[in-house]
Amino acid sequence: MFARLPWMAAALLLIFGCGFLLGLRHSDARHSQAAAAARQAWQQQQQTAAARLAALARQLQQQQQQHVVQLQVMEQQLEQYRLRHRQRVALPADWRLQHDRAALPAAAQPAAGAADTARVTDDLAALDTVSRNYALCQQWRTALSGWQAWYAQVSGAAPGPD
């Protein structure tokens, strides 16, 4: 009976070792399956985010095209006004400068010198100033909306896989 003991201990150690190796292999297989699933989920999220960003880019391009059309219409209307009303209406030069101060950032404002305060502004120059300022504000508004939408898309994206 004691003669068989080393053989039985060896067999038990062999069975234990095989079980340990099988468990380790099974654990590795589970881990690699989980990692592959996480990698696939991350790739799908990235594809979805890329599709959303492409849609945002298309939307921005459409808005820019609409903006160009609106500017063309506005310029045509100004030209029609110019042709219909040949007599100009004089406005104080401060009118244009005040409108620019209200609509434009300090860096984009024209310099107000002594010549500007003495010069009178006519109705066409006033309409041109107003239309340029509104067009610029619309362009900034569109850009801001685009950046906000982009940030919402990007900040919702999940970080990459480990």
Protein backbone atom coordinates (compact mmCIF):
# COMPACT_ATOMS: atom_id res chain seq x y z
CA MET A 1 0.00 0.00 0.00
CA PHE A 2 2.83 2.40 0.83
CA ALA A 3 4.53 1.38 -2.39
CA ARG A 4 1.62 2.77 -4.35
CA LEU A 5 1.58 6.06 -2.42
CA PRO A 6 4.23 7.85 -4.54
CA TRP A 7 2.34 6.80 -7.68
CA MET A 8 -0.94 8.05 -6.27
CA ALA A 9 0.63 11.34 -5.15
CA ALA A 10 2.19 11.75 -8.59
CA ALA A 11 -1.17 10.99 -10.23
CA LEU A 12 -2.93 13.49 -7.94
CA LEU A 13 -0.30 16.12 -8.69
CA LEU A 14 -0.64 15.41 -12.40
CA ILE A 15 -4.46 15.68 -12.21
CA PHE A 16 -4.17 18.88 -10.16
CA GLY A 17 -1.64 20.37 -12.61
CA CYS A 18 -3.82 19.48 -15.62
CA GLY A 19 -6.87 21.01 -13.92
CA PHE A 20 -4.91 24.14 -13.10
CA LEU A 21 -3.66 24.47 -16.69
CA LEU A 22 -7.17 23.91 -18.11
CA GLY A 23 -8.60 26.51 -15.74
CA LEU A 24 -5.87 28.96 -16.70
CA ARG A 25 -6.52 28.35 -20.41
CA HIS A 26 -10.27 28.78 -19.86
CA SER A 27 -9.66 32.04 -17.96
CA ASP A 28 -7.39 33.33 -20.75
CA ALA A 29 -10.02 32.46 -23.34
CA ARG A 30 -12.68 34.34 -21.37
CA HIS A 31 -10.40 37.32 -20.96
CA SER A 32 -9.55 37.46 -24.67
CA GLN A 33 -13.25 37.13 -25.58
CA ALA A 34 -14.11 39.99 -23.23
CA ALA A 35 -11.28 42.09 -24.66
CA ALA A 36 -12.43 41.36 -28.23
CA ALA A 37 -16.00 42.31 -27.31
CA ALA A 38 -14.82 45.54 -25.69
CA ARG A 39 -12.66 46.34 -28.72
CA GLN A 40 -15.59 45.68 -31.08
CA ALA A 41 -17.93 47.86 -28.97
CA TRP A 42 -15.35 50.66 -28.97
CA GLN A 43 -14.92 50.39 -32.75
CA GLN A 44 -18.70 50.59 -33.21
CA GLN A 45 -18.83 53.68 -30.99
CA GLN A 46 -16.03 55.26 -33.01
CA GLN A 47 -17.81 54.48 -36.28
CA THR A 48 -21.04 55.96 -34.92
CA ALA A 49 -19.19 59.06 -33.73
CA ALA A 50 -17.44 59.39 -37.11
CA ALA A 51 -20.79 59.10 -38.91
CA ARG A 52 -22.30 61.75 -36.65
CA LEU A 53 -19.34 64.07 -37.22
CA ALA A 54 -19.63 63.53 -40.99
CA ALA A 55 -23.33 64.42 -40.75
CA LEU A 56 -22.40 67.57 -38.83
CA ALA A 57 -19.85 68.47 -41.50
CA ARG A 58 -22.49 68.04 -44.22
CA GLN A 59 -24.92 70.15 -42.22
CA LEU A 60 -22.31 72.89 -41.80
CA GLN A 61 -21.56 72.83 -45.52
CA GLN A 62 -25.28 73.18 -46.30
CA GLN A 63 -25.55 76.08 -43.87
CA GLN A 64 -22.56 77.77 -45.50
CA GLN A 65 -24.17 77.34 -48.92
CA GLN A 66 -27.40 78.82 -47.61
CA HIS A 67 -25.42 81.70 -46.14
CA VAL A 68 -23.84 82.41 -49.54
CA VAL A 69 -27.28 82.39 -51.17
CA GLN A 70 -28.66 84.72 -48.49
CA LEU A 71 -25.76 87.12 -49.04
CA GLN A 72 -26.37 87.10 -52.78
CA VAL A 73 -30.07 87.85 -52.25
CA MET A 74 -29.21 90.63 -49.83
CA GLU A 75 -26.74 92.17 -52.30
CA GLN A 76 -29.37 92.02 -55.06
CA GLN A 77 -31.88 93.75 -52.82
CA LEU A 78 -29.36 96.46 -51.94
CA GLU A 79 -28.65 96.99 -55.62
CA GLN A 80 -32.38 97.24 -56.36
CA TYR A 81 -32.72 99.80 -53.56
CA ARG A 82 -29.79 101.76 -54.98
CA LEU A 83 -31.41 101.86 -58.42
CA ARG A 84 -34.90 102.75 -57.16
CA HIS A 85 -33.88 105.45 -54.71
CA ARG A 86 -31.28 107.57 -56.37
CA GLN A 87 -31.47 110.37 -53.81
CA ARG A 88 -29.43 109.50 -50.73
CA VAL A 89 -30.59 110.17 -47.16
CA ALA A 90 -27.85 111.63 -44.97
CA LEU A 91 -27.24 110.10 -41.55
CA PRO A 92 -24.74 111.27 -38.95
CA ALA A 93 -21.42 109.43 -39.12
CA ASP A 94 -21.89 108.39 -35.49
CA TRP A 95 -24.77 106.18 -36.59
CA ARG A 96 -22.51 103.77 -38.48
CA LEU A 97 -19.84 103.84 -35.78
CA GLN A 98 -22.38 103.07 -33.05
CA HIS A 99 -23.79 100.19 -35.05
CA ASP A 100 -20.32 98.78 -35.60
CA ARG A 101 -19.54 99.08 -31.88
CA ALA A 102 -22.73 97.21 -31.03
CA ALA A 103 -22.30 94.44 -33.59
CA LEU A 104 -18.57 93.89 -34.00
CA PRO A 105 -15.88 92.90 -31.51
CA ALA A 106 -13.34 95.60 -30.73
CA ALA A 107 -10.70 93.99 -32.98
CA ALA A 108 -12.99 94.09 -36.04
CA GLN A 109 -14.21 97.66 -35.56
CA PRO A 110 -12.96 100.28 -37.96
CA ALA A 111 -10.73 102.91 -36.45
CA ALA A 112 -12.68 106.05 -35.55
CA GLY A 113 -10.59 109.04 -36.43
CA ALA A 114 -11.30 112.73 -36.77
CA ALA A 115 -12.30 112.22 -40.41
CA ASP A 116 -15.03 109.73 -39.42
CA THR A 117 -16.69 112.08 -36.99
CA ALA A 118 -16.89 114.83 -39.60
CA ARG A 119 -18.06 112.58 -42.44
CA VAL A 120 -21.77 112.02 -43.06
CA THR A 121 -23.08 108.53 -43.78
CA ASP A 122 -25.77 107.98 -46.39
CA ASP A 123 -28.56 105.40 -46.36
CA LEU A 124 -26.73 102.96 -48.66
CA ALA A 125 -23.66 102.95 -46.44
CA ALA A 126 -25.94 102.42 -43.44
CA LEU A 127 -27.72 99.52 -45.14
CA ASP A 128 -24.38 98.04 -46.16
CA THR A 129 -23.11 98.29 -42.58
CA VAL A 130 -26.24 96.72 -41.14
CA SER A 131 -26.30 93.91 -43.68
CA ARG A 132 -22.59 93.14 -43.23
CA ASN A 133 -22.97 93.14 -39.46
CA TYR A 134 -25.99 90.85 -39.54
CA ALA A 135 -24.31 88.53 -42.03
CA LEU A 136 -21.23 88.37 -39.82
CA CYS A 137 -23.33 87.70 -36.72
CA GLN A 138 -25.22 84.94 -38.56
CA GLN A 139 -21.92 83.40 -39.64
CA TRP A 140 -20.62 83.45 -36.05
CA ARG A 141 -23.90 82.00 -34.78
CA THR A 142 -23.69 79.17 -37.29
CA ALA A 143 -20.06 78.48 -36.36
CA LEU A 144 -20.91 78.50 -32.65
CA SER A 145 -23.79 76.08 -33.19
CA GLY A 146 -21.48 73.82 -35.18
CA TRP A 147 -18.82 73.84 -32.45
CA GLN A 148 -21.43 73.13 -29.78
CA ALA A 149 -22.81 70.19 -31.77
CA TRP A 150 -19.28 68.90 -32.42
CA TYR A 151 -18.40 69.13 -28.72
CA ALA A 152 -21.59 67.30 -27.77
CA GLN A 153 -20.67 64.51 -30.19
CA VAL A 154 -17.05 64.26 -29.13
CA SER A 155 -17.62 64.55 -25.38
CA GLY A 156 -20.16 61.71 -25.55
CA ALA A 157 -17.66 59.38 -27.22
CA ALA A 158 -16.16 56.64 -25.05
CA PRO A 159 -12.39 56.48 -24.47
CA GLY A 160 -10.37 53.95 -26.44
CA PRO A 161 -9.83 50.33 -25.38
CA ASP A 162 -6.99 49.54 -22.99
